């Protein structure tokens, strides 16, 4: 499984996923300042599942109908790295096989698959 971790999500999430043997492209580490449209295009063309906490991606996908290979939107009140990592671990433990081509909203207590 391949994950593109958005810059605003931070490098710790990418490091944790790499430690779990996932393939990761971290915008923070590898392409800081990359525009949202470019991130979404890269994720789609290279078959990455995007992990972000930037709600602009919801608008790009729902209103602008931009294609994607899967988006995990972290909607957490606690923005610390440990909280994001915990949310991703919870998601992968229960829904790993359902991430491709889905738009998923993850909160501290809930995982919701958004409808298109």
N, C-alpha and C. Protein backbone atom coordinates (compact mmCIF):
# COMPACT_ATOMS: atom_id res chain seq x y z
N UNK A 1 0.86 -1.17 0.00
CA UNK A 1 0.00 0.00 0.00
C UNK A 1 0.90 1.23 0.00
N UNK A 2 0.46 2.24 -0.76
CA UNK A 2 1.25 3.46 -0.94
C UNK A 2 0.49 4.67 -0.40
N UNK A 3 1.18 5.48 0.40
CA UNK A 3 0.56 6.66 0.99
C UNK A 3 1.35 7.91 0.64
N UNK A 4 0.63 8.95 0.23
CA UNK A 4 1.20 10.27 0.06
C UNK A 4 0.71 11.08 1.25
N UNK A 5 1.65 11.50 2.10
CA UNK A 5 1.31 12.21 3.33
C UNK A 5 1.49 13.70 3.09
N UNK A 6 0.39 14.44 3.21
CA UNK A 6 0.39 15.88 2.97
C UNK A 6 1.31 16.59 3.97
N UNK A 7 1.81 17.73 3.54
CA UNK A 7 2.73 18.52 4.37
C UNK A 7 2.11 18.90 5.71
N UNK A 8 0.84 19.30 5.72
CA UNK A 8 0.20 19.73 6.96
C UNK A 8 0.00 18.57 7.93
N UNK A 9 0.03 17.37 7.44
CA UNK A 9 -0.11 16.20 8.31
C UNK A 9 1.20 15.94 9.05
N UNK A 10 2.30 16.35 8.47
CA UNK A 10 3.59 16.31 9.14
C UNK A 10 4.40 15.06 8.88
N UNK A 11 5.68 15.12 9.18
CA UNK A 11 6.59 14.03 8.86
C UNK A 11 6.47 12.80 9.77
N UNK A 12 5.97 12.96 10.97
CA UNK A 12 5.90 11.83 11.90
C UNK A 12 4.98 10.72 11.38
N UNK A 13 3.90 11.10 10.74
CA UNK A 13 2.97 10.10 10.18
C UNK A 13 3.69 9.29 9.10
N UNK A 14 4.40 9.98 8.23
CA UNK A 14 5.15 9.30 7.18
C UNK A 14 6.20 8.35 7.75
N UNK A 15 6.92 8.80 8.76
CA UNK A 15 7.94 7.94 9.38
C UNK A 15 7.32 6.70 9.99
N UNK A 16 6.18 6.87 10.65
CA UNK A 16 5.52 5.73 11.28
C UNK A 16 5.04 4.72 10.23
N UNK A 17 4.48 5.21 9.14
CA UNK A 17 4.03 4.32 8.08
C UNK A 17 5.20 3.59 7.44
N UNK A 18 6.31 4.28 7.24
CA UNK A 18 7.51 3.62 6.70
C UNK A 18 8.00 2.53 7.65
N UNK A 19 7.95 2.81 8.94
CA UNK A 19 8.38 1.82 9.93
C UNK A 19 7.50 0.57 9.88
N UNK A 20 6.27 0.74 9.41
CA UNK A 20 5.35 -0.39 9.26
C UNK A 20 5.44 -1.01 7.86
N UNK A 21 6.46 -0.62 7.11
CA UNK A 21 6.77 -1.16 5.77
C UNK A 21 5.83 -0.70 4.66
N UNK A 22 5.16 0.42 4.85
CA UNK A 22 4.37 1.00 3.78
C UNK A 22 5.27 1.90 2.93
N UNK A 23 4.93 2.03 1.67
CA UNK A 23 5.63 2.95 0.79
C UNK A 23 5.03 4.34 1.01
N UNK A 24 5.88 5.34 1.23
CA UNK A 24 5.41 6.66 1.61
C UNK A 24 6.13 7.74 0.81
N UNK A 25 5.35 8.72 0.34
CA UNK A 25 5.88 9.96 -0.18
C UNK A 25 5.41 11.04 0.78
N UNK A 26 6.36 11.70 1.45
CA UNK A 26 6.04 12.74 2.41
C UNK A 26 6.28 14.11 1.77
N UNK A 27 5.22 14.88 1.60
CA UNK A 27 5.35 16.21 1.03
C UNK A 27 6.25 17.06 1.93
N UNK A 28 6.12 16.92 3.23
CA UNK A 28 6.94 17.68 4.17
C UNK A 28 8.42 17.42 3.92
N UNK A 29 8.79 16.16 3.72
CA UNK A 29 10.20 15.80 3.56
C UNK A 29 10.71 15.94 2.13
N UNK A 30 9.84 15.74 1.14
CA UNK A 30 10.32 15.60 -0.23
C UNK A 30 9.88 16.69 -1.20
N UNK A 31 8.86 17.47 -0.85
CA UNK A 31 8.37 18.48 -1.80
C UNK A 31 7.65 19.61 -1.06
N UNK A 32 8.27 20.12 -0.03
CA UNK A 32 7.64 21.15 0.80
C UNK A 32 7.15 22.32 -0.06
N UNK A 33 5.95 22.78 0.22
CA UNK A 33 5.38 23.90 -0.51
C UNK A 33 4.60 23.50 -1.76
N UNK A 34 4.47 22.22 -2.01
CA UNK A 34 3.76 21.72 -3.18
C UNK A 34 2.29 22.15 -3.12
N UNK A 35 1.75 22.61 -4.24
CA UNK A 35 0.37 23.07 -4.31
C UNK A 35 -0.60 21.90 -4.18
N UNK A 36 -1.77 22.17 -3.62
CA UNK A 36 -2.78 21.13 -3.42
C UNK A 36 -3.16 20.44 -4.72
N UNK A 37 -3.35 21.19 -5.79
CA UNK A 37 -3.70 20.58 -7.08
C UNK A 37 -2.60 19.63 -7.55
N UNK A 38 -1.35 20.01 -7.34
CA UNK A 38 -0.23 19.15 -7.73
C UNK A 38 -0.16 17.90 -6.87
N UNK A 39 -0.47 18.05 -5.59
CA UNK A 39 -0.49 16.90 -4.68
C UNK A 39 -1.55 15.89 -5.13
N UNK A 40 -2.74 16.39 -5.39
CA UNK A 40 -3.82 15.50 -5.80
C UNK A 40 -3.53 14.85 -7.15
N UNK A 41 -2.95 15.59 -8.07
CA UNK A 41 -2.60 15.04 -9.37
C UNK A 41 -1.53 13.96 -9.24
N UNK A 42 -0.52 14.22 -8.41
CA UNK A 42 0.55 13.23 -8.18
C UNK A 42 -0.02 11.97 -7.54
N UNK A 43 -0.86 12.16 -6.53
CA UNK A 43 -1.45 11.01 -5.85
C UNK A 43 -2.26 10.17 -6.83
N UNK A 44 -3.01 10.82 -7.68
CA UNK A 44 -3.84 10.08 -8.65
C UNK A 44 -2.99 9.41 -9.72
N UNK A 45 -2.08 10.14 -10.32
CA UNK A 45 -1.32 9.59 -11.45
C UNK A 45 -0.34 8.50 -11.02
N UNK A 46 0.11 8.55 -9.76
CA UNK A 46 1.09 7.58 -9.27
C UNK A 46 0.47 6.55 -8.31
N UNK A 47 -0.85 6.58 -8.18
CA UNK A 47 -1.58 5.60 -7.37
C UNK A 47 -1.20 5.62 -5.88
N UNK A 48 -1.23 6.81 -5.30
CA UNK A 48 -1.01 6.98 -3.86
C UNK A 48 -2.35 7.24 -3.19
N UNK A 49 -2.52 6.79 -1.97
CA UNK A 49 -3.65 7.17 -1.13
C UNK A 49 -3.18 8.39 -0.34
N UNK A 50 -3.90 9.49 -0.48
CA UNK A 50 -3.53 10.74 0.17
C UNK A 50 -4.01 10.75 1.61
N UNK A 51 -3.11 11.13 2.52
CA UNK A 51 -3.47 11.36 3.92
C UNK A 51 -3.28 12.84 4.19
N UNK A 52 -4.34 13.49 4.66
CA UNK A 52 -4.29 14.94 4.87
C UNK A 52 -5.18 15.35 6.03
N UNK A 53 -4.95 16.53 6.54
CA UNK A 53 -5.90 17.14 7.46
C UNK A 53 -6.31 18.52 6.92
N UNK A 54 -6.19 18.68 5.61
CA UNK A 54 -6.55 19.90 4.90
C UNK A 54 -7.92 19.70 4.24
N UNK A 55 -8.93 20.38 4.74
CA UNK A 55 -10.29 20.18 4.23
C UNK A 55 -10.48 20.68 2.80
N UNK A 56 -9.53 21.41 2.25
CA UNK A 56 -9.63 21.86 0.86
C UNK A 56 -9.70 20.68 -0.12
N UNK A 57 -9.15 19.55 0.26
CA UNK A 57 -9.19 18.39 -0.64
C UNK A 57 -10.61 17.86 -0.80
N UNK A 58 -11.44 18.01 0.19
CA UNK A 58 -12.84 17.62 0.05
C UNK A 58 -13.53 18.44 -1.03
N UNK A 59 -13.26 19.73 -1.04
CA UNK A 59 -13.84 20.59 -2.07
C UNK A 59 -13.32 20.22 -3.46
N UNK A 60 -12.05 19.93 -3.56
CA UNK A 60 -11.46 19.57 -4.85
C UNK A 60 -12.07 18.29 -5.40
N UNK A 61 -12.39 17.38 -4.54
CA UNK A 61 -12.93 16.10 -4.98
C UNK A 61 -14.44 16.18 -5.21
N UNK A 62 -15.17 16.80 -4.29
CA UNK A 62 -16.62 16.83 -4.40
C UNK A 62 -17.14 17.92 -5.32
N UNK A 63 -16.60 19.11 -5.22
CA UNK A 63 -17.10 20.20 -6.06
C UNK A 63 -16.42 20.23 -7.42
N UNK A 64 -15.10 20.08 -7.43
CA UNK A 64 -14.36 20.17 -8.68
C UNK A 64 -14.26 18.83 -9.41
N UNK A 65 -14.69 17.76 -8.73
CA UNK A 65 -14.69 16.41 -9.32
C UNK A 65 -13.31 15.94 -9.78
N UNK A 66 -12.27 16.34 -9.04
CA UNK A 66 -10.92 15.89 -9.39
C UNK A 66 -10.77 14.41 -9.03
N UNK A 67 -10.10 13.66 -9.89
CA UNK A 67 -9.92 12.22 -9.63
C UNK A 67 -8.92 11.97 -8.50
N UNK A 68 -9.06 10.81 -7.88
CA UNK A 68 -8.14 10.43 -6.80
C UNK A 68 -8.12 8.91 -6.69
N UNK A 69 -7.15 8.41 -5.94
CA UNK A 69 -7.05 6.97 -5.70
C UNK A 69 -7.40 6.62 -4.26
N UNK A 70 -7.86 7.59 -3.53
CA UNK A 70 -8.22 7.42 -2.13
C UNK A 70 -7.71 8.59 -1.32
N UNK A 71 -8.53 9.08 -0.40
CA UNK A 71 -8.16 10.19 0.47
C UNK A 71 -8.57 9.84 1.88
N UNK A 72 -7.64 10.01 2.80
CA UNK A 72 -7.91 9.87 4.23
C UNK A 72 -7.82 11.27 4.81
N UNK A 73 -8.97 11.79 5.25
CA UNK A 73 -9.03 13.13 5.83
C UNK A 73 -9.08 13.00 7.34
N UNK A 74 -8.02 13.45 8.01
CA UNK A 74 -7.94 13.41 9.47
C UNK A 74 -8.61 14.66 10.03
N UNK A 75 -9.73 14.47 10.68
CA UNK A 75 -10.47 15.58 11.28
C UNK A 75 -10.38 15.42 12.79
N UNK A 76 -9.26 15.85 13.32
CA UNK A 76 -8.96 15.63 14.73
C UNK A 76 -8.87 16.96 15.47
N UNK A 77 -9.41 17.01 16.68
CA UNK A 77 -9.25 18.20 17.51
C UNK A 77 -7.82 18.30 18.02
N UNK A 78 -7.24 17.17 18.35
CA UNK A 78 -5.85 17.12 18.82
C UNK A 78 -4.95 16.91 17.60
N UNK A 79 -4.23 17.94 17.21
CA UNK A 79 -3.41 17.92 16.00
C UNK A 79 -1.98 17.43 16.25
N UNK A 80 -1.70 16.92 17.44
CA UNK A 80 -0.35 16.43 17.70
C UNK A 80 -0.08 15.17 16.89
N UNK A 81 1.18 14.95 16.59
CA UNK A 81 1.59 13.81 15.77
C UNK A 81 1.10 12.49 16.36
N UNK A 82 1.18 12.33 17.66
CA UNK A 82 0.76 11.08 18.30
C UNK A 82 -0.72 10.80 18.04
N UNK A 83 -1.54 11.84 18.05
CA UNK A 83 -2.96 11.68 17.79
C UNK A 83 -3.21 11.26 16.34
N UNK A 84 -2.48 11.87 15.41
CA UNK A 84 -2.62 11.51 13.99
C UNK A 84 -2.18 10.06 13.76
N UNK A 85 -1.08 9.68 14.37
CA UNK A 85 -0.58 8.31 14.22
C UNK A 85 -1.58 7.32 14.79
N UNK A 86 -2.13 7.61 15.95
CA UNK A 86 -3.13 6.73 16.55
C UNK A 86 -4.33 6.57 15.63
N UNK A 87 -4.80 7.67 15.05
CA UNK A 87 -5.95 7.61 14.14
C UNK A 87 -5.65 6.76 12.91
N UNK A 88 -4.46 6.90 12.35
CA UNK A 88 -4.07 6.11 11.18
C UNK A 88 -3.96 4.63 11.56
N UNK A 89 -3.39 4.35 12.70
CA UNK A 89 -3.28 2.95 13.15
C UNK A 89 -4.66 2.33 13.33
N UNK A 90 -5.59 3.09 13.91
CA UNK A 90 -6.97 2.61 14.09
C UNK A 90 -7.60 2.34 12.72
N UNK A 91 -7.40 3.25 11.79
CA UNK A 91 -7.95 3.09 10.45
C UNK A 91 -7.41 1.85 9.78
N UNK A 92 -6.10 1.68 9.81
CA UNK A 92 -5.48 0.53 9.15
C UNK A 92 -5.88 -0.80 9.80
N UNK A 93 -6.06 -0.80 11.11
CA UNK A 93 -6.43 -2.02 11.81
C UNK A 93 -7.82 -2.51 11.40
N UNK A 94 -8.72 -1.57 11.11
CA UNK A 94 -10.09 -1.98 10.82
C UNK A 94 -10.54 -1.88 9.38
N UNK A 95 -9.81 -1.08 8.58
CA UNK A 95 -10.34 -0.77 7.25
C UNK A 95 -9.29 -0.81 6.14
N UNK A 96 -8.18 -1.41 6.38
CA UNK A 96 -7.06 -1.41 5.45
C UNK A 96 -7.46 -1.77 4.02
N UNK A 97 -8.30 -2.73 3.85
CA UNK A 97 -8.68 -3.20 2.51
C UNK A 97 -9.75 -2.34 1.84
N UNK A 98 -10.21 -1.29 2.51
CA UNK A 98 -11.28 -0.46 1.96
C UNK A 98 -10.84 0.96 1.61
N UNK A 99 -9.54 1.24 1.64
CA UNK A 99 -9.06 2.61 1.46
C UNK A 99 -8.98 3.06 0.01
N UNK A 100 -8.68 2.14 -0.90
CA UNK A 100 -8.50 2.51 -2.30
C UNK A 100 -9.77 3.14 -2.87
N UNK A 101 -9.61 4.27 -3.52
CA UNK A 101 -10.67 4.98 -4.22
C UNK A 101 -11.80 5.48 -3.33
N UNK A 102 -11.59 5.54 -2.03
CA UNK A 102 -12.60 6.03 -1.10
C UNK A 102 -12.17 7.38 -0.53
N UNK A 103 -13.13 8.14 -0.07
CA UNK A 103 -12.86 9.37 0.70
C UNK A 103 -13.30 9.07 2.12
N UNK A 104 -12.34 9.03 3.02
CA UNK A 104 -12.59 8.58 4.38
C UNK A 104 -12.32 9.73 5.35
N UNK A 105 -13.25 9.97 6.24
CA UNK A 105 -13.08 10.98 7.27
C UNK A 105 -12.83 10.25 8.58
N UNK A 106 -11.71 10.57 9.22
CA UNK A 106 -11.33 9.90 10.46
C UNK A 106 -11.33 10.92 11.60
N UNK A 107 -12.11 10.62 12.63
CA UNK A 107 -12.10 11.41 13.85
C UNK A 107 -11.53 10.53 14.97
N UNK A 108 -11.44 11.08 16.14
CA UNK A 108 -10.92 10.30 17.26
C UNK A 108 -11.76 9.06 17.53
N UNK A 109 -13.07 9.15 17.31
CA UNK A 109 -13.97 8.06 17.67
C UNK A 109 -14.62 7.36 16.49
N UNK A 110 -14.43 7.88 15.26
CA UNK A 110 -15.23 7.35 14.16
C UNK A 110 -14.45 7.36 12.84
N UNK A 111 -14.75 6.39 12.01
CA UNK A 111 -14.28 6.33 10.64
C UNK A 111 -15.52 6.36 9.77
N UNK A 112 -15.58 7.33 8.86
CA UNK A 112 -16.77 7.48 8.00
C UNK A 112 -16.33 7.50 6.55
N UNK A 113 -16.95 6.66 5.75
CA UNK A 113 -16.72 6.63 4.31
C UNK A 113 -17.72 7.57 3.67
N UNK A 114 -17.23 8.66 3.09
CA UNK A 114 -18.10 9.66 2.49
C UNK A 114 -18.65 9.16 1.16
N UNK A 115 -19.83 9.56 0.86
CA UNK A 115 -20.48 9.16 -0.40
C UNK A 115 -20.16 10.18 -1.49
N UNK A 116 -20.11 9.70 -2.72
CA UNK A 116 -19.87 10.58 -3.88
C UNK A 116 -21.16 10.87 -4.59
